[in-house]
């Protein structure tokens, strides 16, 4: 089954969130890159499977096998190898990378994104979702993250009053986070479309 981005033509609006992805760090951590492993990977959204592939691991590569349907075309069966490269870490051990299998690429990458083939972000010309965020979006996300650290993520909007100090949190830590939250909250509100409108949040 093709990826979430399957059949799409690249556009300036495509982001990494539009595509399913294979994470080499996750696969190494789960022992899926050991020689002789054969498994399936599946991706779901809202309880519905949106993509799946089979793979087997050999000494220096994984072999992907799946079916893909380009928009308006018949299903095709694909099978090809993605080579692995291992680089030493400063404090011992090694880190594993995918080598992008797209023709003419071969770039070392931690993630492969699923379309007709699984390829690196640059081959699909994808941007990160954060690169599409406005200053207001970024400030709002930071404000919510600060609320979580203040144990106040039950708040409905960032118009709610400043949270009270959580039990067990040092006063100095609470004051620092509260000040960061207030500054970030005001930045989000001042950059909101139409000014400080509660209806926007």
N, C-alpha and C. Protein backbone atom coordinates (compact mmCIF):
# COMPACT_ATOMS: atom_id res chain seq x y z
N UNK A 1 0.86 -1.17 0.00
CA UNK A 1 0.00 0.00 0.00
C UNK A 1 0.89 1.23 0.00
N UNK A 2 0.56 2.21 -0.78
CA UNK A 2 1.37 3.40 -0.87
C UNK A 2 1.28 4.25 0.38
N UNK A 3 2.18 5.22 0.50
CA UNK A 3 2.19 6.10 1.66
C UNK A 3 1.09 7.14 1.61
N UNK A 4 0.98 7.91 2.69
CA UNK A 4 -0.04 8.95 2.80
C UNK A 4 0.13 9.98 1.71
N UNK A 5 1.38 10.19 1.27
CA UNK A 5 1.63 11.12 0.18
C UNK A 5 1.60 10.48 -1.18
N UNK A 6 1.19 9.23 -1.27
CA UNK A 6 1.26 8.49 -2.53
C UNK A 6 0.44 9.16 -3.61
N UNK A 7 1.03 9.22 -4.81
CA UNK A 7 0.30 9.75 -5.95
C UNK A 7 0.29 11.25 -6.01
N UNK A 8 0.85 11.93 -4.99
CA UNK A 8 0.86 13.38 -5.00
C UNK A 8 1.98 13.89 -5.87
N UNK A 9 1.75 15.00 -6.53
CA UNK A 9 2.84 15.71 -7.15
C UNK A 9 3.32 16.75 -6.16
N UNK A 10 4.64 16.95 -6.11
CA UNK A 10 5.17 17.88 -5.13
C UNK A 10 4.63 19.28 -5.39
N UNK A 11 4.35 20.01 -4.32
CA UNK A 11 3.98 21.41 -4.41
C UNK A 11 4.69 22.15 -3.30
N UNK A 12 4.66 23.47 -3.37
CA UNK A 12 5.35 24.27 -2.37
C UNK A 12 4.69 24.13 -1.00
N UNK A 13 3.52 23.48 -0.94
CA UNK A 13 2.81 23.35 0.33
C UNK A 13 3.06 22.00 1.00
N UNK A 14 3.81 21.09 0.35
CA UNK A 14 4.01 19.77 0.92
C UNK A 14 4.96 19.83 2.11
N UNK A 15 4.58 19.19 3.21
CA UNK A 15 5.41 19.15 4.40
C UNK A 15 5.67 17.71 4.79
N UNK A 16 6.61 17.52 5.71
CA UNK A 16 6.93 16.17 6.18
C UNK A 16 5.72 15.52 6.84
N UNK A 17 4.79 16.31 7.36
CA UNK A 17 3.60 15.74 7.99
C UNK A 17 2.62 15.16 6.98
N UNK A 18 2.80 15.47 5.70
CA UNK A 18 1.90 14.95 4.67
C UNK A 18 2.25 13.52 4.24
N UNK A 19 3.36 13.00 4.70
CA UNK A 19 3.86 11.71 4.25
C UNK A 19 4.13 10.80 5.46
N UNK A 20 3.88 9.49 5.29
CA UNK A 20 4.35 8.54 6.30
C UNK A 20 5.86 8.47 6.21
N UNK A 21 6.51 8.06 7.30
CA UNK A 21 7.97 8.03 7.26
C UNK A 21 8.52 6.82 8.00
N UNK A 22 9.66 6.35 7.54
CA UNK A 22 10.41 5.30 8.21
C UNK A 22 11.52 5.99 9.01
N UNK A 23 11.65 5.62 10.26
CA UNK A 23 12.61 6.23 11.18
C UNK A 23 13.70 5.20 11.49
N UNK A 24 14.92 5.45 11.02
CA UNK A 24 16.00 4.47 11.20
C UNK A 24 16.36 4.30 12.67
N UNK A 25 16.27 5.36 13.47
CA UNK A 25 16.60 5.26 14.90
C UNK A 25 15.61 4.35 15.62
N UNK A 26 14.32 4.51 15.29
CA UNK A 26 13.30 3.65 15.89
C UNK A 26 13.54 2.19 15.51
N UNK A 27 13.84 1.95 14.24
CA UNK A 27 14.03 0.58 13.78
C UNK A 27 15.26 -0.06 14.43
N UNK A 28 16.33 0.74 14.60
CA UNK A 28 17.53 0.20 15.26
C UNK A 28 17.25 -0.08 16.72
N UNK A 29 16.53 0.82 17.37
CA UNK A 29 16.22 0.67 18.79
C UNK A 29 15.36 -0.57 19.04
N UNK A 30 14.46 -0.87 18.11
CA UNK A 30 13.57 -2.02 18.24
C UNK A 30 14.18 -3.33 17.75
N UNK A 31 15.45 -3.27 17.32
CA UNK A 31 16.12 -4.48 16.85
C UNK A 31 15.69 -4.93 15.47
N UNK A 32 15.08 -4.03 14.70
CA UNK A 32 14.56 -4.41 13.39
C UNK A 32 15.61 -4.40 12.30
N UNK A 33 16.81 -3.91 12.60
CA UNK A 33 17.86 -3.85 11.59
C UNK A 33 18.89 -4.96 11.74
N UNK A 34 18.60 -5.92 12.61
CA UNK A 34 19.49 -7.08 12.73
C UNK A 34 19.34 -7.98 11.50
N UNK A 35 20.43 -8.54 11.09
CA UNK A 35 20.43 -9.41 9.91
C UNK A 35 19.41 -10.54 10.08
N UNK A 36 18.58 -10.73 9.06
CA UNK A 36 17.63 -11.83 9.08
C UNK A 36 16.24 -11.49 9.58
N UNK A 37 16.02 -10.24 10.05
CA UNK A 37 14.70 -9.84 10.53
C UNK A 37 13.77 -9.65 9.33
N UNK A 38 12.54 -10.12 9.44
CA UNK A 38 11.51 -9.91 8.42
C UNK A 38 10.24 -9.48 9.13
N UNK A 39 9.75 -8.30 8.83
CA UNK A 39 8.59 -7.75 9.53
C UNK A 39 7.72 -6.94 8.58
N UNK A 40 6.60 -6.45 9.14
CA UNK A 40 5.74 -5.49 8.47
C UNK A 40 5.75 -4.19 9.25
N UNK A 41 5.64 -3.09 8.55
CA UNK A 41 5.44 -1.78 9.18
C UNK A 41 4.10 -1.25 8.71
N UNK A 42 3.32 -0.72 9.63
CA UNK A 42 2.03 -0.14 9.26
C UNK A 42 1.90 1.24 9.88
N UNK A 43 1.12 2.08 9.23
CA UNK A 43 0.83 3.42 9.73
C UNK A 43 -0.68 3.59 9.78
N UNK A 44 -1.16 4.24 10.83
CA UNK A 44 -2.60 4.45 11.00
C UNK A 44 -2.89 5.92 11.27
N UNK A 45 -4.08 6.31 10.93
CA UNK A 45 -4.57 7.66 11.24
C UNK A 45 -6.03 7.55 11.65
N UNK A 46 -6.32 8.01 12.86
CA UNK A 46 -7.69 7.95 13.39
C UNK A 46 -8.25 6.53 13.34
N UNK A 47 -7.41 5.58 13.68
CA UNK A 47 -7.85 4.20 13.76
C UNK A 47 -7.94 3.48 12.43
N UNK A 48 -7.54 4.13 11.35
CA UNK A 48 -7.62 3.51 10.02
C UNK A 48 -6.22 3.35 9.45
N UNK A 49 -5.91 2.15 8.97
CA UNK A 49 -4.60 1.92 8.36
C UNK A 49 -4.49 2.70 7.07
N UNK A 50 -3.40 3.47 6.93
CA UNK A 50 -3.23 4.28 5.72
C UNK A 50 -2.05 3.82 4.88
N UNK A 51 -1.16 3.01 5.45
CA UNK A 51 -0.02 2.51 4.67
C UNK A 51 0.58 1.30 5.37
N UNK A 52 1.16 0.40 4.57
CA UNK A 52 1.86 -0.74 5.14
C UNK A 52 2.90 -1.23 4.16
N UNK A 53 4.01 -1.73 4.67
CA UNK A 53 5.05 -2.32 3.84
C UNK A 53 5.61 -3.54 4.54
N UNK A 54 6.21 -4.43 3.78
CA UNK A 54 6.97 -5.54 4.33
C UNK A 54 8.44 -5.27 4.07
N UNK A 55 9.30 -5.76 4.97
CA UNK A 55 10.73 -5.60 4.73
C UNK A 55 11.47 -6.78 5.35
N UNK A 56 12.65 -6.99 4.84
CA UNK A 56 13.58 -7.96 5.45
C UNK A 56 14.94 -7.28 5.54
N UNK A 57 15.69 -7.62 6.57
CA UNK A 57 16.98 -6.99 6.80
C UNK A 57 18.10 -7.95 6.45
N UNK A 58 19.04 -7.44 5.68
CA UNK A 58 20.24 -8.19 5.35
C UNK A 58 21.43 -7.45 5.98
N UNK A 59 22.65 -7.91 5.73
CA UNK A 59 23.81 -7.39 6.46
C UNK A 59 23.96 -5.88 6.36
N UNK A 60 23.82 -5.32 5.17
CA UNK A 60 24.08 -3.90 4.99
C UNK A 60 22.92 -3.18 4.32
N UNK A 61 21.74 -3.78 4.38
CA UNK A 61 20.61 -3.16 3.70
C UNK A 61 19.30 -3.74 4.22
N UNK A 62 18.20 -3.04 3.92
CA UNK A 62 16.87 -3.61 4.11
C UNK A 62 16.20 -3.63 2.74
N UNK A 63 15.42 -4.65 2.52
CA UNK A 63 14.71 -4.80 1.24
C UNK A 63 13.23 -4.54 1.49
N UNK A 64 12.70 -3.51 0.85
CA UNK A 64 11.30 -3.12 1.01
C UNK A 64 10.44 -3.81 -0.05
N UNK A 65 9.24 -4.18 0.36
CA UNK A 65 8.30 -4.81 -0.57
C UNK A 65 6.90 -4.32 -0.24
N UNK A 66 6.21 -3.77 -1.22
CA UNK A 66 4.86 -3.25 -1.01
C UNK A 66 4.18 -2.98 -2.35
N UNK A 67 2.90 -2.70 -2.28
CA UNK A 67 2.13 -2.33 -3.46
C UNK A 67 1.84 -0.85 -3.41
N UNK A 68 1.82 -0.24 -4.58
CA UNK A 68 1.60 1.20 -4.66
C UNK A 68 0.63 1.50 -5.81
N UNK A 69 -0.23 2.48 -5.57
CA UNK A 69 -1.15 2.89 -6.63
C UNK A 69 -1.02 4.38 -6.87
N UNK A 70 -0.51 4.72 -8.03
CA UNK A 70 -0.47 6.12 -8.44
C UNK A 70 -1.87 6.55 -8.81
N UNK A 71 -2.21 7.79 -8.56
CA UNK A 71 -3.58 8.26 -8.80
C UNK A 71 -3.98 8.00 -10.25
N UNK A 72 -5.10 7.31 -10.39
CA UNK A 72 -5.63 7.03 -11.72
C UNK A 72 -4.96 5.88 -12.44
N UNK A 73 -4.05 5.17 -11.77
CA UNK A 73 -3.34 4.06 -12.42
C UNK A 73 -3.57 2.77 -11.65
N UNK A 74 -3.13 1.65 -12.25
CA UNK A 74 -3.27 0.35 -11.60
C UNK A 74 -2.25 0.19 -10.47
N UNK A 75 -2.52 -0.74 -9.57
CA UNK A 75 -1.58 -1.07 -8.51
C UNK A 75 -0.33 -1.68 -9.13
N UNK A 76 0.82 -1.39 -8.55
CA UNK A 76 2.06 -2.03 -8.96
C UNK A 76 2.77 -2.56 -7.73
N UNK A 77 3.49 -3.67 -7.91
CA UNK A 77 4.27 -4.27 -6.83
C UNK A 77 5.71 -3.79 -6.94
N UNK A 78 6.25 -3.31 -5.84
CA UNK A 78 7.61 -2.78 -5.82
C UNK A 78 8.46 -3.55 -4.81
N UNK A 79 9.70 -3.78 -5.16
CA UNK A 79 10.66 -4.40 -4.25
C UNK A 79 12.03 -3.84 -4.59
N UNK A 80 12.70 -3.28 -3.61
CA UNK A 80 14.02 -2.70 -3.84
C UNK A 80 14.76 -2.58 -2.51
N UNK A 81 16.06 -2.39 -2.59
CA UNK A 81 16.91 -2.33 -1.40
C UNK A 81 17.17 -0.89 -0.99
N UNK A 82 17.23 -0.69 0.32
CA UNK A 82 17.70 0.58 0.91
C UNK A 82 18.96 0.22 1.70
N UNK A 83 20.08 0.79 1.28
CA UNK A 83 21.34 0.45 1.94
C UNK A 83 21.49 1.23 3.25
N UNK A 84 22.23 0.62 4.16
CA UNK A 84 22.46 1.20 5.48
C UNK A 84 23.92 1.59 5.60
N UNK A 85 24.16 2.64 6.37
CA UNK A 85 25.53 3.05 6.68
C UNK A 85 25.62 3.30 8.17
N UNK A 86 26.70 2.85 8.78
CA UNK A 86 26.88 3.03 10.22
C UNK A 86 28.10 3.90 10.47
N UNK A 87 27.90 4.95 11.27
CA UNK A 87 28.99 5.87 11.58
C UNK A 87 29.29 5.80 13.08
N UNK A 88 30.56 5.91 13.46
CA UNK A 88 30.92 5.83 14.89
C UNK A 88 30.44 7.06 15.65
N UNK A 89 30.03 6.86 16.90
CA UNK A 89 29.66 7.97 17.78
C UNK A 89 30.88 8.38 18.60
N UNK A 90 30.89 9.61 19.07
CA UNK A 90 32.03 10.14 19.82
C UNK A 90 32.32 9.35 21.09
N UNK A 91 31.26 8.84 21.72
CA UNK A 91 31.42 8.17 23.00
C UNK A 91 31.24 6.66 22.89
N UNK A 92 31.56 6.13 21.72
CA UNK A 92 31.45 4.70 21.51
C UNK A 92 30.17 4.31 20.81
N UNK A 93 30.14 3.10 20.30
CA UNK A 93 28.96 2.63 19.58
C UNK A 93 28.91 3.24 18.19
N UNK A 94 27.78 3.10 17.54
CA UNK A 94 27.62 3.63 16.19
C UNK A 94 26.18 4.07 15.96
N UNK A 95 26.01 4.88 14.94
CA UNK A 95 24.68 5.33 14.55
C UNK A 95 24.40 4.84 13.15
N UNK A 96 23.18 4.36 12.94
CA UNK A 96 22.80 3.82 11.64
C UNK A 96 22.02 4.86 10.84
N UNK A 97 22.27 4.89 9.53
CA UNK A 97 21.59 5.81 8.61
C UNK A 97 21.02 5.01 7.44
N UNK A 98 19.94 5.53 6.87
CA UNK A 98 19.51 5.07 5.56
C UNK A 98 20.33 5.81 4.51
N UNK A 99 20.59 5.17 3.38
CA UNK A 99 21.10 5.86 2.20
C UNK A 99 19.93 5.96 1.23
N UNK A 100 19.52 7.17 0.93
CA UNK A 100 18.32 7.38 0.11
C UNK A 100 18.41 6.60 -1.20
N UNK A 101 17.39 5.77 -1.50
CA UNK A 101 17.44 4.93 -2.70
C UNK A 101 17.01 5.64 -3.98
N UNK A 102 16.60 6.91 -3.89
CA UNK A 102 16.16 7.61 -5.10
C UNK A 102 17.32 7.72 -6.09
N UNK A 103 17.01 7.60 -7.35
CA UNK A 103 18.04 7.62 -8.39
C UNK A 103 18.84 8.93 -8.33
N UNK A 104 20.15 8.80 -8.27
CA UNK A 104 21.01 9.97 -8.26
C UNK A 104 21.18 10.62 -6.90
N UNK A 105 20.60 10.03 -5.84
CA UNK A 105 20.70 10.65 -4.52
C UNK A 105 21.75 9.92 -3.67
N UNK A 106 21.33 8.92 -2.91
CA UNK A 106 22.28 8.22 -2.05
C UNK A 106 22.65 8.98 -0.80
N UNK A 107 21.89 10.03 -0.50
CA UNK A 107 22.18 10.87 0.66
C UNK A 107 21.92 10.13 1.96
N UNK A 108 22.77 10.36 2.95
CA UNK A 108 22.57 9.78 4.28
C UNK A 108 21.42 10.50 4.97
N UNK A 109 20.49 9.72 5.53
CA UNK A 109 19.30 10.33 6.13
C UNK A 109 18.76 9.46 7.26
N UNK A 110 18.14 10.10 8.24
CA UNK A 110 17.52 9.37 9.35
C UNK A 110 16.10 8.95 9.03
N UNK A 111 15.46 9.62 8.04
CA UNK A 111 14.06 9.34 7.72
C UNK A 111 13.90 9.15 6.21
N UNK A 112 13.01 8.22 5.86
CA UNK A 112 12.58 8.07 4.48
C UNK A 112 11.08 8.29 4.44
N UNK A 113 10.61 9.07 3.46
CA UNK A 113 9.21 9.43 3.35
C UNK A 113 8.57 8.65 2.21
N UNK A 114 7.36 8.16 2.47
CA UNK A 114 6.72 7.25 1.54
C UNK A 114 5.89 7.90 0.48
N UNK A 115 6.25 7.69 -0.77
CA UNK A 115 5.43 7.99 -1.94
C UNK A 115 5.48 6.75 -2.80
N UNK A 116 5.77 6.91 -4.08
CA UNK A 116 5.96 5.70 -4.89
C UNK A 116 7.17 4.94 -4.38
N UNK A 117 8.24 5.65 -4.05
CA UNK A 117 9.36 5.03 -3.36
C UNK A 117 9.56 5.77 -2.03
N UNK A 118 10.28 5.13 -1.14
CA UNK A 118 10.62 5.77 0.14
C UNK A 118 11.94 6.50 -0.07
N UNK A 119 11.90 7.81 0.05
CA UNK A 119 13.06 8.64 -0.27
C UNK A 119 13.22 9.73 0.79
N UNK A 120 14.34 10.44 0.71
CA UNK A 120 14.63 11.47 1.71
C UNK A 120 13.79 12.73 1.49
N UNK A 121 13.81 13.58 2.49
CA UNK A 121 13.02 14.81 2.46
C UNK A 121 13.42 15.70 1.27
N UNK A 122 14.69 15.76 0.98
CA UNK A 122 15.14 16.63 -0.11
C UNK A 122 14.66 16.14 -1.47
N UNK A 123 14.63 14.83 -1.64
CA UNK A 123 14.16 14.30 -2.92
C UNK A 123 12.69 14.65 -3.17
N UNK A 124 11.90 14.66 -2.10
CA UNK A 124 10.50 15.04 -2.23
C UNK A 124 10.28 16.54 -2.06
N UNK A 125 11.36 17.26 -1.77
CA UNK A 125 11.30 18.71 -1.59
C UNK A 125 10.29 19.09 -0.51
N UNK A 126 10.37 18.36 0.59
CA UNK A 126 9.44 18.61 1.69
C UNK A 126 10.03 19.62 2.67
N UNK A 127 9.17 20.40 3.26
CA UNK A 127 9.59 21.28 4.35
C UNK A 127 8.99 20.75 5.64
N UNK A 128 9.59 21.16 6.77
CA UNK A 128 9.02 20.79 8.05
C UNK A 128 7.79 21.64 8.32
N UNK A 129 6.83 21.06 9.04
CA UNK A 129 5.60 21.78 9.35
C UNK A 129 5.91 23.10 10.06
N UNK A 130 6.94 23.11 10.90
CA UNK A 130 7.27 24.33 11.65
C UNK A 130 7.70 25.46 10.73
N UNK A 131 8.20 25.13 9.53
CA UNK A 131 8.60 26.15 8.59
C UNK A 131 7.40 26.85 7.96
N UNK A 132 6.22 26.27 8.11
CA UNK A 132 5.00 26.88 7.60
C UNK A 132 4.26 27.68 8.69
N UNK A 133 4.77 27.62 9.90
CA UNK A 133 4.09 28.28 10.99
C UNK A 133 4.37 29.78 10.99
N UNK A 134 3.37 30.55 11.37
CA UNK A 134 3.54 31.98 11.55
C UNK A 134 4.16 32.23 12.91
N UNK A 135 4.55 33.48 13.16
CA UNK A 135 5.09 33.84 14.47
C UNK A 135 4.06 33.58 15.56
N UNK A 136 2.79 33.82 15.23
CA UNK A 136 1.72 33.57 16.19
C UNK A 136 1.60 32.08 16.50
N UNK A 137 1.68 31.24 15.45
CA UNK A 137 1.60 29.79 15.64
C UNK A 137 2.72 29.30 16.57
N UNK A 138 3.94 29.77 16.29
CA UNK A 138 5.08 29.32 17.10
C UNK A 138 4.95 29.77 18.55
N UNK A 139 4.51 31.01 18.74
CA UNK A 139 4.36 31.51 20.10
C UNK A 139 3.24 30.78 20.83
N UNK A 140 2.15 30.47 20.12
CA UNK A 140 1.04 29.74 20.73
C UNK A 140 1.48 28.34 21.16
N UNK A 141 2.22 27.66 20.28
CA UNK A 141 2.73 26.32 20.62
C UNK A 141 3.63 26.39 21.85
N UNK A 142 4.48 27.40 21.90
CA UNK A 142 5.38 27.53 23.06
C UNK A 142 4.59 27.82 24.33
N UNK A 143 3.55 28.65 24.21
CA UNK A 143 2.72 28.96 25.39
C UNK A 143 2.06 27.69 25.93
N UNK A 144 1.54 26.85 25.03
CA UNK A 144 0.91 25.61 25.48
C UNK A 144 1.93 24.66 26.11
N UNK A 145 3.14 24.62 25.56
CA UNK A 145 4.18 23.77 26.14
C UNK A 145 4.56 24.25 27.54
N UNK A 146 4.59 25.56 27.73
CA UNK A 146 4.89 26.10 29.05
C UNK A 146 3.76 25.78 30.03
N UNK A 147 2.52 25.81 29.55
CA UNK A 147 1.40 25.44 30.41
C UNK A 147 1.51 23.99 30.87
N UNK A 148 1.97 23.12 29.97
CA UNK A 148 2.16 21.72 30.36
C UNK A 148 3.20 21.61 31.47
N UNK A 149 4.29 22.37 31.33
CA UNK A 149 5.33 22.33 32.35
C UNK A 149 4.83 22.90 33.67
N UNK A 150 3.85 23.81 33.59
CA UNK A 150 3.25 24.39 34.79
C UNK A 150 2.08 23.57 35.30
N UNK A 151 1.87 22.37 34.70
CA UNK A 151 0.79 21.47 35.10
C UNK A 151 -0.58 22.11 34.93
N UNK A 152 -0.68 22.94 33.89
CA UNK A 152 -1.95 23.66 33.66
C UNK A 152 -2.44 23.42 32.24
N UNK A 153 -2.13 22.25 31.68
CA UNK A 153 -2.54 21.98 30.31
C UNK A 153 -4.03 21.64 30.20
N UNK A 154 -4.75 21.75 31.33
CA UNK A 154 -6.21 21.59 31.29
C UNK A 154 -6.87 22.90 30.86
N UNK A 155 -6.09 23.97 30.78
CA UNK A 155 -6.65 25.26 30.36
C UNK A 155 -7.26 25.13 28.97
N UNK A 156 -8.35 25.82 28.75
CA UNK A 156 -9.03 25.75 27.46
C UNK A 156 -8.41 26.70 26.44
N UNK A 157 -7.98 27.87 26.87
CA UNK A 157 -7.34 28.84 25.97
C UNK A 157 -6.21 29.52 26.73
N UNK A 158 -5.37 30.25 26.00
CA UNK A 158 -4.31 30.99 26.66
C UNK A 158 -4.81 32.35 27.12
N UNK A 159 -6.13 32.54 27.12
CA UNK A 159 -6.72 33.73 27.74
C UNK A 159 -7.03 33.48 29.21
N UNK A 160 -6.93 32.26 29.65
CA UNK A 160 -7.18 31.96 31.06
C UNK A 160 -6.12 32.64 31.92
N UNK A 161 -6.44 32.88 33.21
CA UNK A 161 -5.48 33.56 34.08
C UNK A 161 -4.22 32.73 34.28
N UNK A 162 -3.17 33.40 34.75
CA UNK A 162 -1.92 32.70 34.99
C UNK A 162 -2.15 31.54 35.97
N UNK A 163 -1.51 30.42 35.72
CA UNK A 163 -1.70 29.25 36.60
C UNK A 163 -1.09 29.46 37.97
N UNK A 164 -1.57 28.68 38.92
CA UNK A 164 -1.00 28.72 40.26
C UNK A 164 0.17 27.75 40.33
N UNK A 165 1.02 27.91 41.31
CA UNK A 165 2.21 27.07 41.42
C UNK A 165 1.81 25.64 41.73
N UNK A 166 2.27 24.69 40.90
CA UNK A 166 1.94 23.28 41.15
C UNK A 166 2.61 22.78 42.43
N UNK A 167 1.99 21.83 43.06
CA UNK A 167 2.54 21.23 44.26
C UNK A 167 3.88 20.59 43.95
N UNK A 168 4.89 20.91 44.75
CA UNK A 168 6.21 20.33 44.59
C UNK A 168 7.14 21.12 43.69
N UNK A 169 6.65 22.15 43.01
CA UNK A 169 7.52 22.95 42.14
C UNK A 169 8.15 24.08 42.95
N UNK A 170 9.45 24.26 42.83
CA UNK A 170 10.14 25.34 43.53
C UNK A 170 9.62 26.70 43.07
N UNK A 171 9.56 27.62 44.01
CA UNK A 171 9.06 28.97 43.72
C UNK A 171 9.87 29.63 42.60
N UNK A 172 11.19 29.47 42.63
CA UNK A 172 12.05 30.10 41.62
C UNK A 172 11.73 29.54 40.22
N UNK A 173 11.54 28.23 40.14
CA UNK A 173 11.20 27.60 38.86
C UNK A 173 9.84 28.08 38.38
N UNK A 174 8.89 28.15 39.31
CA UNK A 174 7.54 28.60 38.95
C UNK A 174 7.56 30.03 38.42
N UNK A 175 8.30 30.91 39.08
CA UNK A 175 8.35 32.31 38.64
C UNK A 175 8.98 32.42 37.25
N UNK A 176 10.05 31.65 37.02
CA UNK A 176 10.71 31.70 35.71
C UNK A 176 9.77 31.22 34.60
N UNK A 177 9.09 30.08 34.82
CA UNK A 177 8.18 29.55 33.81
C UNK A 177 6.97 30.46 33.62
N UNK A 178 6.48 31.02 34.70
CA UNK A 178 5.32 31.92 34.61
C UNK A 178 5.65 33.16 33.80
N UNK A 179 6.85 33.71 34.02
CA UNK A 179 7.26 34.89 33.26
C UNK A 179 7.43 34.56 31.78
N UNK A 180 8.01 33.40 31.51
CA UNK A 180 8.15 32.97 30.11
C UNK A 180 6.78 32.76 29.47
N UNK A 181 5.88 32.16 30.23
CA UNK A 181 4.53 31.92 29.71
C UNK A 181 3.82 33.23 29.39
N UNK A 182 3.89 34.18 30.30
CA UNK A 182 3.19 35.46 30.10
C UNK A 182 3.75 36.20 28.89
N UNK A 183 5.08 36.22 28.76
CA UNK A 183 5.69 36.90 27.62
C UNK A 183 5.32 36.22 26.31
N UNK A 184 5.33 34.90 26.30
CA UNK A 184 4.99 34.14 25.08
C UNK A 184 3.51 34.28 24.75
N UNK A 185 2.68 34.26 25.78
CA UNK A 185 1.23 34.42 25.59
C UNK A 185 0.93 35.77 24.95
N UNK A 186 1.56 36.83 25.45
CA UNK A 186 1.32 38.17 24.89
C UNK A 186 1.84 38.27 23.47
N UNK A 187 2.95 37.59 23.17
CA UNK A 187 3.47 37.60 21.81
C UNK A 187 2.49 36.91 20.87
N UNK A 188 1.92 35.79 21.30
CA UNK A 188 0.94 35.08 20.48
C UNK A 188 -0.29 35.94 20.23
N UNK A 189 -0.77 36.57 21.27
CA UNK A 189 -1.99 37.38 21.14
C UNK A 189 -1.77 38.62 20.28
N UNK A 190 -0.60 39.24 20.41
CA UNK A 190 -0.34 40.45 19.64
C UNK A 190 -0.14 40.16 18.16
N UNK A 191 0.19 38.90 17.83
CA UNK A 191 0.39 38.52 16.43
C UNK A 191 -0.78 37.74 15.86
N UNK A 192 -1.85 37.59 16.63
CA UNK A 192 -3.02 36.86 16.14
C UNK A 192 -3.72 37.66 15.05
N UNK A 193 -4.32 36.98 14.06
CA UNK A 193 -5.08 37.68 13.02
C UNK A 193 -6.18 38.52 13.64
N UNK A 194 -6.24 39.78 13.29
CA UNK A 194 -7.27 40.65 13.81
C UNK A 194 -6.97 41.17 15.21
N UNK A 195 -5.73 40.98 15.68
CA UNK A 195 -5.39 41.47 17.01
C UNK A 195 -5.78 40.48 18.08
N UNK A 196 -6.00 40.97 19.31
CA UNK A 196 -6.29 40.11 20.45
C UNK A 196 -7.76 39.69 20.47
N UNK A 197 -8.10 38.79 19.58
CA UNK A 197 -9.49 38.34 19.50
C UNK A 197 -9.63 36.95 20.08
N UNK A 198 -10.40 36.78 21.18
CA UNK A 198 -10.57 35.45 21.77
C UNK A 198 -11.19 34.46 20.80
N UNK A 199 -11.97 34.94 19.83
CA UNK A 199 -12.63 34.04 18.92
C UNK A 199 -11.65 33.31 18.01
N UNK A 200 -10.43 33.86 17.90
CA UNK A 200 -9.46 33.24 17.01
C UNK A 200 -8.87 31.98 17.59
N UNK A 201 -8.85 31.87 18.93
CA UNK A 201 -8.24 30.72 19.61
C UNK A 201 -9.31 29.68 19.94
